[in-house]
Amino acid sequence: MDSELSDRFVTTMRSWLVSLPFDLKILYEASTDENLSRETRELMLGAIIYTISPNDLISDRDNFVSYADDCLLLRLAIKKGLTSDDEDEEFFRTRFSEFFETLDSELATCQEAMGDLYPWLASKVDGLTTRKYKNKTVKNHFESDELQETLYEDGLEFRTEYPVVEETIADRFKKVSSVLDLLQRVKDDEDRKRAKGK
């Protein structure tokens, strides 16, 4: 990978990691927007559950790298669910125009830098709606105001306790390999388990 692409990827991922707690708000807003389709809203709920759950593809810890998959899947879910020509989706995008203006170019940077890891991670988007949170399905959350309120409160807690801050990440995250090596290990482990199951 050339240095220009490497720099673009690190810069992109740094900004995503810092903004993750704020970007989570887009998912919450979309999940409760009654003008959007149920399919889109359930996808957003699945992405919320993935992001705030401590045990997803990479167990979230204090290490910034463990949140890279959350940043990527959040955006991949938003791209899938909120970028059609539908009038209501178009209106929703105007509310977060700064986020959507750079979405395609930033994802293109990741796709170029990540190689085979990008389609592997993108393939996880469809499974977001099958995830459970505290033994409740996405459908359960969609149909219950009480569960949505709990999910919102847990999201606030996630944002409050989120350990990545701009002041420290610039010193700690300088190489593409910091993220890609970890994702590759997870993919390799998944491939091994799948091969054993055959």
N, C-alpha and C. Protein backbone atom coordinates (compact mmCIF):
# COMPACT_ATOMS: atom_id res chain seq x y z
N MET A 1 0.85 -1.19 0.00
CA MET A 1 0.00 0.00 0.00
C MET A 1 0.89 1.25 0.00
N ASP A 2 0.59 2.19 -0.91
CA ASP A 2 1.44 3.38 -0.97
C ASP A 2 1.14 4.30 0.22
N SER A 3 2.07 5.21 0.46
CA SER A 3 1.98 6.04 1.66
C SER A 3 0.80 6.99 1.62
N GLU A 4 0.43 7.44 0.42
CA GLU A 4 -0.70 8.38 0.31
C GLU A 4 -2.00 7.69 0.74
N LEU A 5 -2.22 6.45 0.27
CA LEU A 5 -3.41 5.70 0.65
C LEU A 5 -3.37 5.36 2.14
N SER A 6 -2.20 4.98 2.62
CA SER A 6 -2.03 4.67 4.03
C SER A 6 -2.39 5.87 4.90
N ASP A 7 -1.92 7.04 4.52
CA ASP A 7 -2.22 8.26 5.28
C ASP A 7 -3.71 8.58 5.25
N ARG A 8 -4.33 8.40 4.08
CA ARG A 8 -5.76 8.67 3.96
C ARG A 8 -6.58 7.74 4.84
N PHE A 9 -6.20 6.46 4.85
CA PHE A 9 -6.92 5.48 5.67
C PHE A 9 -6.79 5.80 7.15
N VAL A 10 -5.57 6.08 7.59
CA VAL A 10 -5.35 6.39 9.01
C VAL A 10 -6.10 7.66 9.41
N THR A 11 -6.05 8.67 8.56
CA THR A 11 -6.76 9.92 8.85
C THR A 11 -8.26 9.70 8.93
N THR A 12 -8.78 8.92 7.98
CA THR A 12 -10.21 8.61 7.96
C THR A 12 -10.62 7.85 9.21
N MET A 13 -9.87 6.80 9.52
CA MET A 13 -10.23 5.96 10.65
C MET A 13 -10.08 6.72 11.98
N ARG A 14 -9.08 7.56 12.08
CA ARG A 14 -8.93 8.38 13.29
C ARG A 14 -10.17 9.25 13.50
N SER A 15 -10.61 9.92 12.44
CA SER A 15 -11.77 10.81 12.57
C SER A 15 -13.02 10.02 12.91
N TRP A 16 -13.17 8.81 12.35
CA TRP A 16 -14.32 7.96 12.65
C TRP A 16 -14.31 7.53 14.11
N LEU A 17 -13.14 7.13 14.58
CA LEU A 17 -13.03 6.66 15.96
C LEU A 17 -13.38 7.77 16.95
N VAL A 18 -12.93 8.98 16.66
CA VAL A 18 -13.23 10.11 17.54
C VAL A 18 -14.72 10.45 17.50
N SER A 19 -15.32 10.33 16.32
CA SER A 19 -16.72 10.77 16.17
C SER A 19 -17.75 9.67 16.44
N LEU A 20 -17.30 8.45 16.76
CA LEU A 20 -18.25 7.34 16.93
C LEU A 20 -19.41 7.66 17.88
N PRO A 21 -19.17 8.24 19.06
CA PRO A 21 -20.31 8.52 19.95
C PRO A 21 -21.33 9.48 19.33
N PHE A 22 -20.84 10.41 18.50
CA PHE A 22 -21.73 11.37 17.85
C PHE A 22 -22.46 10.73 16.66
N ASP A 23 -21.74 9.88 15.92
CA ASP A 23 -22.34 9.20 14.77
C ASP A 23 -23.44 8.24 15.20
N LEU A 24 -23.30 7.72 16.41
CA LEU A 24 -24.33 6.82 16.95
C LEU A 24 -25.69 7.52 17.01
N LYS A 25 -25.66 8.83 17.18
CA LYS A 25 -26.91 9.61 17.23
C LYS A 25 -27.69 9.48 15.93
N ILE A 26 -26.99 9.38 14.80
CA ILE A 26 -27.67 9.24 13.50
C ILE A 26 -28.47 7.94 13.49
N LEU A 27 -27.88 6.88 14.02
CA LEU A 27 -28.60 5.60 14.07
C LEU A 27 -29.86 5.72 14.92
N TYR A 28 -29.73 6.36 16.07
CA TYR A 28 -30.89 6.52 16.95
C TYR A 28 -31.97 7.36 16.29
N GLU A 29 -31.57 8.44 15.66
CA GLU A 29 -32.55 9.31 15.00
C GLU A 29 -33.27 8.55 13.88
N ALA A 30 -32.52 7.77 13.10
CA ALA A 30 -33.13 7.01 12.00
C ALA A 30 -34.04 5.91 12.52
N SER A 31 -33.64 5.27 13.62
CA SER A 31 -34.43 4.14 14.14
C SER A 31 -35.80 4.57 14.65
N THR A 32 -35.94 5.84 15.00
CA THR A 32 -37.22 6.33 15.54
C THR A 32 -37.96 7.24 14.55
N ASP A 33 -37.43 7.39 13.35
CA ASP A 33 -38.05 8.25 12.34
C ASP A 33 -39.17 7.49 11.63
N GLU A 34 -40.40 7.85 11.92
CA GLU A 34 -41.54 7.11 11.38
C GLU A 34 -41.74 7.32 9.89
N ASN A 35 -41.03 8.26 9.30
CA ASN A 35 -41.11 8.46 7.85
C ASN A 35 -40.25 7.45 7.08
N LEU A 36 -39.32 6.81 7.78
CA LEU A 36 -38.46 5.82 7.15
C LEU A 36 -39.12 4.45 7.20
N SER A 37 -38.71 3.57 6.30
CA SER A 37 -39.30 2.24 6.23
C SER A 37 -38.94 1.41 7.46
N ARG A 38 -39.79 0.45 7.76
CA ARG A 38 -39.51 -0.44 8.88
C ARG A 38 -38.18 -1.17 8.65
N GLU A 39 -37.93 -1.59 7.43
CA GLU A 39 -36.70 -2.31 7.10
C GLU A 39 -35.47 -1.47 7.44
N THR A 40 -35.51 -0.20 7.07
CA THR A 40 -34.39 0.70 7.37
C THR A 40 -34.26 0.91 8.87
N ARG A 41 -35.37 1.12 9.54
CA ARG A 41 -35.32 1.39 10.98
C ARG A 41 -34.81 0.18 11.75
N GLU A 42 -35.20 -1.02 11.33
CA GLU A 42 -34.70 -2.22 12.00
C GLU A 42 -33.20 -2.39 11.75
N LEU A 43 -32.74 -2.04 10.55
CA LEU A 43 -31.31 -2.11 10.26
C LEU A 43 -30.54 -1.15 11.16
N MET A 44 -31.08 0.03 11.38
CA MET A 44 -30.43 1.01 12.25
C MET A 44 -30.40 0.50 13.69
N LEU A 45 -31.49 -0.14 14.14
CA LEU A 45 -31.50 -0.73 15.48
C LEU A 45 -30.44 -1.82 15.60
N GLY A 46 -30.31 -2.65 14.57
CA GLY A 46 -29.28 -3.68 14.58
C GLY A 46 -27.89 -3.09 14.67
N ALA A 47 -27.68 -1.97 13.97
CA ALA A 47 -26.37 -1.31 14.01
C ALA A 47 -26.10 -0.69 15.38
N ILE A 48 -27.15 -0.17 16.02
CA ILE A 48 -27.00 0.36 17.39
C ILE A 48 -26.58 -0.77 18.32
N ILE A 49 -27.31 -1.88 18.23
CA ILE A 49 -27.02 -3.02 19.09
C ILE A 49 -25.59 -3.50 18.88
N TYR A 50 -25.16 -3.57 17.63
CA TYR A 50 -23.79 -4.00 17.34
C TYR A 50 -22.79 -3.04 17.98
N THR A 51 -23.04 -1.75 17.82
CA THR A 51 -22.08 -0.74 18.28
C THR A 51 -21.94 -0.71 19.79
N ILE A 52 -23.06 -0.78 20.51
CA ILE A 52 -22.97 -0.62 21.97
C ILE A 52 -22.74 -1.93 22.71
N SER A 53 -22.85 -3.06 22.00
CA SER A 53 -22.59 -4.35 22.65
C SER A 53 -21.09 -4.53 22.85
N PRO A 54 -20.67 -4.93 24.02
CA PRO A 54 -19.23 -5.09 24.26
C PRO A 54 -18.63 -6.26 23.50
N ASN A 55 -19.44 -7.25 23.16
CA ASN A 55 -18.91 -8.43 22.46
C ASN A 55 -19.51 -8.54 21.06
N ASP A 56 -18.79 -7.98 20.10
CA ASP A 56 -19.18 -8.15 18.70
C ASP A 56 -18.04 -8.88 18.00
N LEU A 57 -17.70 -8.53 16.79
CA LEU A 57 -16.59 -9.22 16.12
C LEU A 57 -15.31 -9.08 16.91
N ILE A 58 -15.08 -7.87 17.41
CA ILE A 58 -13.91 -7.60 18.23
C ILE A 58 -14.42 -7.11 19.58
N SER A 59 -14.07 -7.80 20.65
CA SER A 59 -14.55 -7.38 21.97
C SER A 59 -14.05 -5.98 22.29
N ASP A 60 -15.00 -5.07 22.57
CA ASP A 60 -14.63 -3.68 22.83
C ASP A 60 -13.96 -3.56 24.20
N ARG A 61 -12.77 -2.98 24.14
CA ARG A 61 -12.01 -2.72 25.37
C ARG A 61 -11.54 -1.28 25.33
N ASP A 62 -10.55 -0.97 26.13
CA ASP A 62 -10.04 0.39 26.13
C ASP A 62 -9.18 0.70 24.90
N ASN A 63 -8.74 -0.34 24.20
CA ASN A 63 -7.90 -0.15 23.03
C ASN A 63 -8.72 0.42 21.88
N PHE A 64 -8.26 1.50 21.28
CA PHE A 64 -9.01 2.15 20.21
C PHE A 64 -9.30 1.22 19.05
N VAL A 65 -8.38 0.29 18.78
CA VAL A 65 -8.53 -0.60 17.62
C VAL A 65 -9.80 -1.44 17.72
N SER A 66 -10.21 -1.75 18.93
CA SER A 66 -11.37 -2.62 19.10
C SER A 66 -12.68 -1.96 18.66
N TYR A 67 -12.64 -0.66 18.37
CA TYR A 67 -13.84 0.04 17.91
C TYR A 67 -13.84 0.27 16.40
N ALA A 68 -12.80 -0.17 15.71
CA ALA A 68 -12.72 0.06 14.26
C ALA A 68 -13.84 -0.62 13.51
N ASP A 69 -14.18 -1.86 13.91
CA ASP A 69 -15.25 -2.58 13.23
C ASP A 69 -16.59 -1.88 13.45
N ASP A 70 -16.79 -1.30 14.65
CA ASP A 70 -18.03 -0.57 14.93
C ASP A 70 -18.17 0.64 14.00
N CYS A 71 -17.08 1.37 13.83
CA CYS A 71 -17.09 2.55 12.96
C CYS A 71 -17.45 2.16 11.52
N LEU A 72 -16.85 1.09 11.05
CA LEU A 72 -17.08 0.65 9.68
C LEU A 72 -18.50 0.12 9.48
N LEU A 73 -18.94 -0.74 10.37
CA LEU A 73 -20.27 -1.33 10.20
C LEU A 73 -21.38 -0.28 10.39
N LEU A 74 -21.16 0.69 11.24
CA LEU A 74 -22.12 1.77 11.39
C LEU A 74 -22.32 2.47 10.04
N ARG A 75 -21.22 2.78 9.37
CA ARG A 75 -21.31 3.48 8.08
C ARG A 75 -21.84 2.59 6.96
N LEU A 76 -21.45 1.34 6.97
CA LEU A 76 -21.94 0.42 5.95
C LEU A 76 -23.45 0.22 6.09
N ALA A 77 -23.93 0.18 7.32
CA ALA A 77 -25.38 0.05 7.56
C ALA A 77 -26.10 1.31 7.10
N ILE A 78 -25.55 2.46 7.42
CA ILE A 78 -26.16 3.72 7.00
C ILE A 78 -26.18 3.83 5.49
N LYS A 79 -25.09 3.43 4.85
CA LYS A 79 -25.04 3.48 3.38
C LYS A 79 -26.11 2.57 2.78
N LYS A 80 -26.27 1.38 3.34
CA LYS A 80 -27.27 0.45 2.82
C LYS A 80 -28.70 0.94 3.07
N GLY A 81 -28.94 1.51 4.24
CA GLY A 81 -30.31 1.84 4.62
C GLY A 81 -30.77 3.25 4.34
N LEU A 82 -29.83 4.17 4.09
CA LEU A 82 -30.22 5.58 4.03
C LEU A 82 -29.68 6.36 2.84
N THR A 83 -29.34 5.68 1.76
CA THR A 83 -28.77 6.43 0.63
C THR A 83 -29.51 6.18 -0.69
N SER A 84 -30.77 5.78 -0.62
CA SER A 84 -31.54 5.60 -1.85
C SER A 84 -32.14 6.95 -2.28
N ASP A 85 -32.88 6.94 -3.39
CA ASP A 85 -33.52 8.16 -3.88
C ASP A 85 -34.86 8.42 -3.21
N ASP A 86 -35.22 7.59 -2.25
CA ASP A 86 -36.47 7.77 -1.53
C ASP A 86 -36.52 9.17 -0.91
N GLU A 87 -37.67 9.82 -1.08
CA GLU A 87 -37.81 11.21 -0.63
C GLU A 87 -37.58 11.38 0.87
N ASP A 88 -38.07 10.42 1.66
CA ASP A 88 -37.90 10.52 3.10
C ASP A 88 -36.45 10.30 3.51
N GLU A 89 -35.76 9.40 2.81
CA GLU A 89 -34.33 9.21 3.09
C GLU A 89 -33.54 10.45 2.70
N GLU A 90 -33.90 11.05 1.57
CA GLU A 90 -33.22 12.27 1.13
C GLU A 90 -33.39 13.37 2.17
N PHE A 91 -34.60 13.51 2.70
CA PHE A 91 -34.84 14.53 3.72
C PHE A 91 -34.03 14.23 4.98
N PHE A 92 -33.99 12.95 5.36
CA PHE A 92 -33.21 12.58 6.55
C PHE A 92 -31.74 12.97 6.36
N ARG A 93 -31.21 12.73 5.17
CA ARG A 93 -29.79 13.03 4.93
C ARG A 93 -29.49 14.52 5.07
N THR A 94 -30.47 15.37 4.77
CA THR A 94 -30.22 16.81 4.91
C THR A 94 -29.99 17.21 6.36
N ARG A 95 -30.52 16.42 7.28
CA ARG A 95 -30.34 16.72 8.70
C ARG A 95 -28.91 16.46 9.16
N PHE A 96 -28.22 15.59 8.44
CA PHE A 96 -26.83 15.23 8.80
C PHE A 96 -25.96 15.34 7.56
N SER A 97 -26.10 16.46 6.87
CA SER A 97 -25.45 16.62 5.56
C SER A 97 -23.93 16.48 5.62
N GLU A 98 -23.33 16.96 6.69
CA GLU A 98 -21.87 16.88 6.80
C GLU A 98 -21.39 15.43 6.83
N PHE A 99 -22.13 14.59 7.53
CA PHE A 99 -21.80 13.16 7.59
C PHE A 99 -21.94 12.52 6.22
N PHE A 100 -23.05 12.78 5.54
CA PHE A 100 -23.32 12.11 4.27
C PHE A 100 -22.47 12.64 3.12
N GLU A 101 -22.00 13.87 3.21
CA GLU A 101 -21.18 14.45 2.14
C GLU A 101 -19.88 13.67 1.94
N THR A 102 -19.33 13.12 3.01
CA THR A 102 -18.04 12.44 2.91
C THR A 102 -18.15 10.91 2.97
N LEU A 103 -19.38 10.41 3.15
CA LEU A 103 -19.56 8.97 3.39
C LEU A 103 -18.99 8.12 2.26
N ASP A 104 -19.35 8.41 1.02
CA ASP A 104 -18.91 7.58 -0.10
C ASP A 104 -17.40 7.62 -0.30
N SER A 105 -16.82 8.81 -0.22
CA SER A 105 -15.37 8.92 -0.46
C SER A 105 -14.58 8.25 0.66
N GLU A 106 -15.06 8.37 1.89
CA GLU A 106 -14.36 7.73 3.01
C GLU A 106 -14.47 6.21 2.93
N LEU A 107 -15.64 5.71 2.58
CA LEU A 107 -15.78 4.26 2.42
C LEU A 107 -14.94 3.76 1.26
N ALA A 108 -14.80 4.56 0.20
CA ALA A 108 -13.97 4.17 -0.94
C ALA A 108 -12.50 4.06 -0.52
N THR A 109 -12.06 4.96 0.35
CA THR A 109 -10.70 4.89 0.89
C THR A 109 -10.50 3.58 1.64
N CYS A 110 -11.48 3.23 2.48
CA CYS A 110 -11.38 2.00 3.26
C CYS A 110 -11.39 0.78 2.34
N GLN A 111 -12.23 0.79 1.34
CA GLN A 111 -12.32 -0.33 0.42
C GLN A 111 -10.98 -0.55 -0.29
N GLU A 112 -10.36 0.55 -0.70
CA GLU A 112 -9.07 0.46 -1.39
C GLU A 112 -7.97 -0.04 -0.45
N ALA A 113 -7.99 0.44 0.78
CA ALA A 113 -6.93 0.11 1.73
C ALA A 113 -7.09 -1.29 2.32
N MET A 114 -8.33 -1.74 2.46
CA MET A 114 -8.59 -2.98 3.19
C MET A 114 -8.57 -4.24 2.33
N GLY A 115 -8.67 -4.10 1.03
CA GLY A 115 -8.66 -5.29 0.17
C GLY A 115 -9.79 -6.24 0.49
N ASP A 116 -9.48 -7.53 0.68
CA ASP A 116 -10.50 -8.56 0.94
C ASP A 116 -11.22 -8.38 2.27
N LEU A 117 -10.64 -7.62 3.17
CA LEU A 117 -11.29 -7.42 4.47
C LEU A 117 -12.56 -6.56 4.34
N TYR A 118 -12.59 -5.72 3.32
CA TYR A 118 -13.74 -4.82 3.16
C TYR A 118 -15.01 -5.59 2.81
N PRO A 119 -15.02 -6.42 1.75
CA PRO A 119 -16.25 -7.17 1.46
C PRO A 119 -16.62 -8.15 2.57
N TRP A 120 -15.62 -8.68 3.26
CA TRP A 120 -15.90 -9.57 4.39
C TRP A 120 -16.69 -8.83 5.46
N LEU A 121 -16.25 -7.63 5.80
CA LEU A 121 -16.95 -6.85 6.82
C LEU A 121 -18.30 -6.37 6.30
N ALA A 122 -18.35 -5.96 5.04
CA ALA A 122 -19.61 -5.50 4.46
C ALA A 122 -20.67 -6.59 4.46
N SER A 123 -20.22 -7.84 4.35
CA SER A 123 -21.17 -8.96 4.33
C SER A 123 -21.87 -9.14 5.69
N LYS A 124 -21.35 -8.50 6.71
CA LYS A 124 -21.95 -8.60 8.05
C LYS A 124 -23.18 -7.70 8.21
N VAL A 125 -23.37 -6.75 7.30
CA VAL A 125 -24.46 -5.77 7.46
C VAL A 125 -25.82 -6.46 7.48
N ASP A 126 -26.04 -7.40 6.57
CA ASP A 126 -27.34 -8.06 6.51
C ASP A 126 -27.67 -8.81 7.80
N GLY A 127 -26.66 -9.23 8.52
CA GLY A 127 -26.88 -9.97 9.76
C GLY A 127 -27.18 -9.09 10.96
N LEU A 128 -27.07 -7.78 10.80
CA LEU A 128 -27.29 -6.88 11.93
C LEU A 128 -28.72 -6.99 12.47
N THR A 129 -29.68 -7.25 11.60
CA THR A 129 -31.07 -7.31 12.05
C THR A 129 -31.40 -8.61 12.78
N THR A 130 -30.45 -9.53 12.80
CA THR A 130 -30.68 -10.80 13.52
C THR A 130 -29.99 -10.81 14.89
N ARG A 131 -29.34 -9.72 15.22
CA ARG A 131 -28.62 -9.66 16.50
C ARG A 131 -29.59 -9.53 17.67
N LYS A 132 -29.13 -9.98 18.83
CA LYS A 132 -29.92 -9.83 20.05
C LYS A 132 -29.17 -8.94 21.03
N TYR A 133 -29.94 -8.27 21.87
CA TYR A 133 -29.37 -7.43 22.92
C TYR A 133 -30.15 -7.70 24.20
N LYS A 134 -29.45 -8.18 25.21
CA LYS A 134 -30.09 -8.57 26.47
C LYS A 134 -31.25 -9.54 26.20
N ASN A 135 -30.97 -10.49 25.34
CA ASN A 135 -31.91 -11.57 24.97
C ASN A 135 -33.15 -11.10 24.23
N LYS A 136 -33.12 -9.88 23.70
CA LYS A 136 -34.24 -9.36 22.93
C LYS A 136 -33.80 -9.12 21.49
N THR A 137 -34.67 -9.48 20.54
CA THR A 137 -34.35 -9.33 19.13
C THR A 137 -34.52 -7.89 18.68
N VAL A 138 -34.04 -7.61 17.47
CA VAL A 138 -34.26 -6.29 16.87
C VAL A 138 -35.75 -6.02 16.73
N LYS A 139 -36.50 -7.03 16.31
CA LYS A 139 -37.95 -6.88 16.18
C LYS A 139 -38.59 -6.53 17.52
N ASN A 140 -38.15 -7.20 18.59
CA ASN A 140 -38.65 -6.87 19.94
C ASN A 140 -38.42 -5.40 20.26
N HIS A 141 -37.23 -4.92 19.95
CA HIS A 141 -36.90 -3.52 20.23
C HIS A 141 -37.74 -2.58 19.38
N PHE A 142 -37.93 -2.95 18.13
CA PHE A 142 -38.71 -2.09 17.24
C PHE A 142 -40.14 -1.92 17.76
N GLU A 143 -40.69 -2.97 18.31
CA GLU A 143 -42.10 -2.96 18.69
C GLU A 143 -42.35 -2.54 20.15
N SER A 144 -41.30 -2.22 20.88
CA SER A 144 -41.46 -1.86 22.29
C SER A 144 -40.81 -0.52 22.60
N ASP A 145 -41.63 0.45 22.99
CA ASP A 145 -41.10 1.75 23.40
C ASP A 145 -40.19 1.61 24.61
N GLU A 146 -40.54 0.71 25.50
CA GLU A 146 -39.74 0.51 26.71
C GLU A 146 -38.34 0.00 26.38
N LEU A 147 -38.27 -0.99 25.46
CA LEU A 147 -36.96 -1.52 25.07
C LEU A 147 -36.14 -0.47 24.32
N GLN A 148 -36.81 0.33 23.51
CA GLN A 148 -36.10 1.40 22.80
C GLN A 148 -35.54 2.42 23.77
N GLU A 149 -36.29 2.70 24.83
CA GLU A 149 -35.82 3.64 25.85
C GLU A 149 -34.59 3.08 26.56
N THR A 150 -34.61 1.79 26.87
CA THR A 150 -33.46 1.14 27.50
C THR A 150 -32.25 1.19 26.58
N LEU A 151 -32.49 0.93 25.31
CA LEU A 151 -31.40 0.96 24.32
C LEU A 151 -30.81 2.36 24.23
N TYR A 152 -31.67 3.36 24.30
CA TYR A 152 -31.20 4.74 24.25
C TYR A 152 -30.36 5.07 25.49
N GLU A 153 -30.84 4.66 26.64
CA GLU A 153 -30.09 4.91 27.88
C GLU A 153 -28.74 4.20 27.87
N ASP A 154 -28.72 2.98 27.35
CA ASP A 154 -27.45 2.24 27.26
C ASP A 154 -26.51 2.91 26.26
N GLY A 155 -27.09 3.51 25.23
CA GLY A 155 -26.27 4.26 24.27
C GLY A 155 -25.65 5.49 24.90
N LEU A 156 -26.41 6.16 25.76
CA LEU A 156 -25.86 7.31 26.49
C LEU A 156 -24.70 6.88 27.37
N GLU A 157 -24.86 5.73 28.02
CA GLU A 157 -23.79 5.21 28.87
C GLU A 157 -22.56 4.87 28.03
N PHE A 158 -22.79 4.27 26.86
CA PHE A 158 -21.69 3.95 25.95
C PHE A 158 -20.94 5.22 25.58
N ARG A 159 -21.69 6.27 25.23
CA ARG A 159 -21.04 7.52 24.80
C ARG A 159 -20.27 8.16 25.95
N THR A 160 -20.82 8.06 27.15
CA THR A 160 -20.15 8.66 28.32
C THR A 160 -18.85 7.94 28.65
N GLU A 161 -18.85 6.62 28.51
CA GLU A 161 -17.68 5.83 28.90
C GLU A 161 -16.72 5.55 27.75
N TYR A 162 -17.05 5.99 26.55
CA TYR A 162 -16.22 5.72 25.38
C TYR A 162 -14.80 6.26 25.59
N PRO A 163 -13.78 5.42 25.45
CA PRO A 163 -12.44 5.82 25.88
C PRO A 163 -11.57 6.54 24.84
N VAL A 164 -12.04 6.64 23.60
CA VAL A 164 -11.19 7.21 22.55
C VAL A 164 -11.39 8.72 22.48
N VAL A 165 -10.28 9.45 22.60
CA VAL A 165 -10.33 10.91 22.48
C VAL A 165 -9.25 11.39 21.53
N GLU A 166 -9.53 12.51 20.89
CA GLU A 166 -8.65 13.02 19.84
C GLU A 166 -7.24 13.29 20.35
N GLU A 167 -7.12 13.74 21.59
CA GLU A 167 -5.82 14.13 22.13
C GLU A 167 -4.84 12.96 22.18
N THR A 168 -5.34 11.75 22.40
CA THR A 168 -4.44 10.61 22.56
C THR A 168 -4.33 9.74 21.31
N ILE A 169 -5.36 9.73 20.47
CA ILE A 169 -5.36 8.78 19.37
C ILE A 169 -4.30 9.10 18.32
N ALA A 170 -3.99 10.38 18.14
CA ALA A 170 -2.99 10.75 17.14
C ALA A 170 -1.63 10.14 17.46
N ASP A 171 -1.31 10.02 18.75
CA ASP A 171 -0.04 9.43 19.16
C ASP A 171 -0.07 7.91 19.09
N ARG A 172 -1.23 7.33 19.31
CA ARG A 172 -1.33 5.87 19.40
C ARG A 172 -1.64 5.19 18.07
N PHE A 173 -2.22 5.90 17.14
CA PHE A 173 -2.66 5.30 15.88
C PHE A 173 -1.98 5.99 14.71
N LYS A 174 -0.90 5.36 14.23
CA LYS A 174 -0.14 5.95 13.13
C LYS A 174 0.02 5.01 11.94
N LYS A 175 -0.30 3.71 12.14
CA LYS A 175 -0.06 2.74 11.08
C LYS A 175 -1.35 2.01 10.71
N VAL A 176 -1.51 1.77 9.41
CA VAL A 176 -2.65 1.01 8.90
C VAL A 176 -2.73 -0.36 9.56
N SER A 177 -1.59 -0.96 9.79
CA SER A 177 -1.54 -2.32 10.32
C SER A 177 -2.20 -2.43 11.70
N SER A 178 -2.26 -1.31 12.45
CA SER A 178 -2.89 -1.35 13.76
C SER A 178 -4.31 -1.89 13.67
N VAL A 179 -5.03 -1.47 12.63
CA VAL A 179 -6.41 -1.89 12.42
C VAL A 179 -6.50 -3.15 11.58
N LEU A 180 -5.79 -3.15 10.45
CA LEU A 180 -5.95 -4.26 9.49
C LEU A 180 -5.45 -5.59 10.03
N ASP A 181 -4.38 -5.59 10.82
CA ASP A 181 -3.86 -6.85 11.37
C ASP A 181 -4.88 -7.49 12.32
N LEU A 182 -5.54 -6.66 13.13
CA LEU A 182 -6.54 -7.19 14.05
C LEU A 182 -7.74 -7.75 13.29
N LEU A 183 -8.24 -6.99 12.31
CA LEU A 183 -9.36 -7.47 11.51
C LEU A 183 -9.01 -8.76 10.77
N GLN A 184 -7.77 -8.85 10.29
CA GLN A 184 -7.35 -10.06 9.57
C GLN A 184 -7.34 -11.27 10.51
N ARG A 185 -6.89 -11.07 11.74
CA ARG A 185 -6.89 -12.17 12.71
C ARG A 185 -8.31 -12.66 12.98
N VAL A 186 -9.24 -11.72 13.10
CA VAL A 186 -10.63 -12.10 13.35
C VAL A 186 -11.19 -12.86 12.15
N LYS A 187 -10.90 -12.38 10.96
CA LYS A 187 -11.38 -13.06 9.74
C LYS A 187 -10.78 -14.46 9.62
N ASP A 188 -9.48 -14.57 9.88
CA ASP A 188 -8.80 -15.88 9.79
C ASP A 188 -9.41 -16.86 10.79
N ASP A 189 -9.68 -16.37 11.99
CA ASP A 189 -10.28 -17.22 13.02
C ASP A 189 -11.68 -17.67 12.59
N GLU A 190 -12.43 -16.76 12.00
CA GLU A 190 -13.77 -17.09 11.51
C GLU A 190 -13.69 -18.12 10.39
N ASP A 191 -12.73 -17.94 9.49
CA ASP A 191 -12.55 -18.89 8.37
C ASP A 191 -12.19 -20.28 8.88
N ARG A 192 -11.33 -20.33 9.91
CA ARG A 192 -10.94 -21.63 10.48
C ARG A 192 -12.14 -22.34 11.10
N LYS A 193 -12.95 -21.58 11.83
CA LYS A 193 -14.14 -22.17 12.47
C LYS A 193 -15.12 -22.68 11.40
N ARG A 194 -15.26 -21.91 10.32
CA ARG A 194 -16.17 -22.32 9.27
C ARG A 194 -15.67 -23.61 8.59
N ALA A 195 -14.35 -23.67 8.38
CA ALA A 195 -13.76 -24.85 7.73
C ALA A 195 -13.93 -26.10 8.61
N LYS A 196 -13.82 -25.92 9.92
CA LYS A 196 -13.99 -27.04 10.85
C LYS A 196 -15.43 -27.54 10.85
N GLY A 197 -16.36 -26.61 10.65
CA GLY A 197 -17.77 -26.98 10.70
C GLY A 197 -18.27 -27.71 9.47
N LYS A 198 -17.46 -27.70 8.42
CA LYS A 198 -17.90 -28.35 7.17
C LYS A 198 -17.76 -29.85 7.27
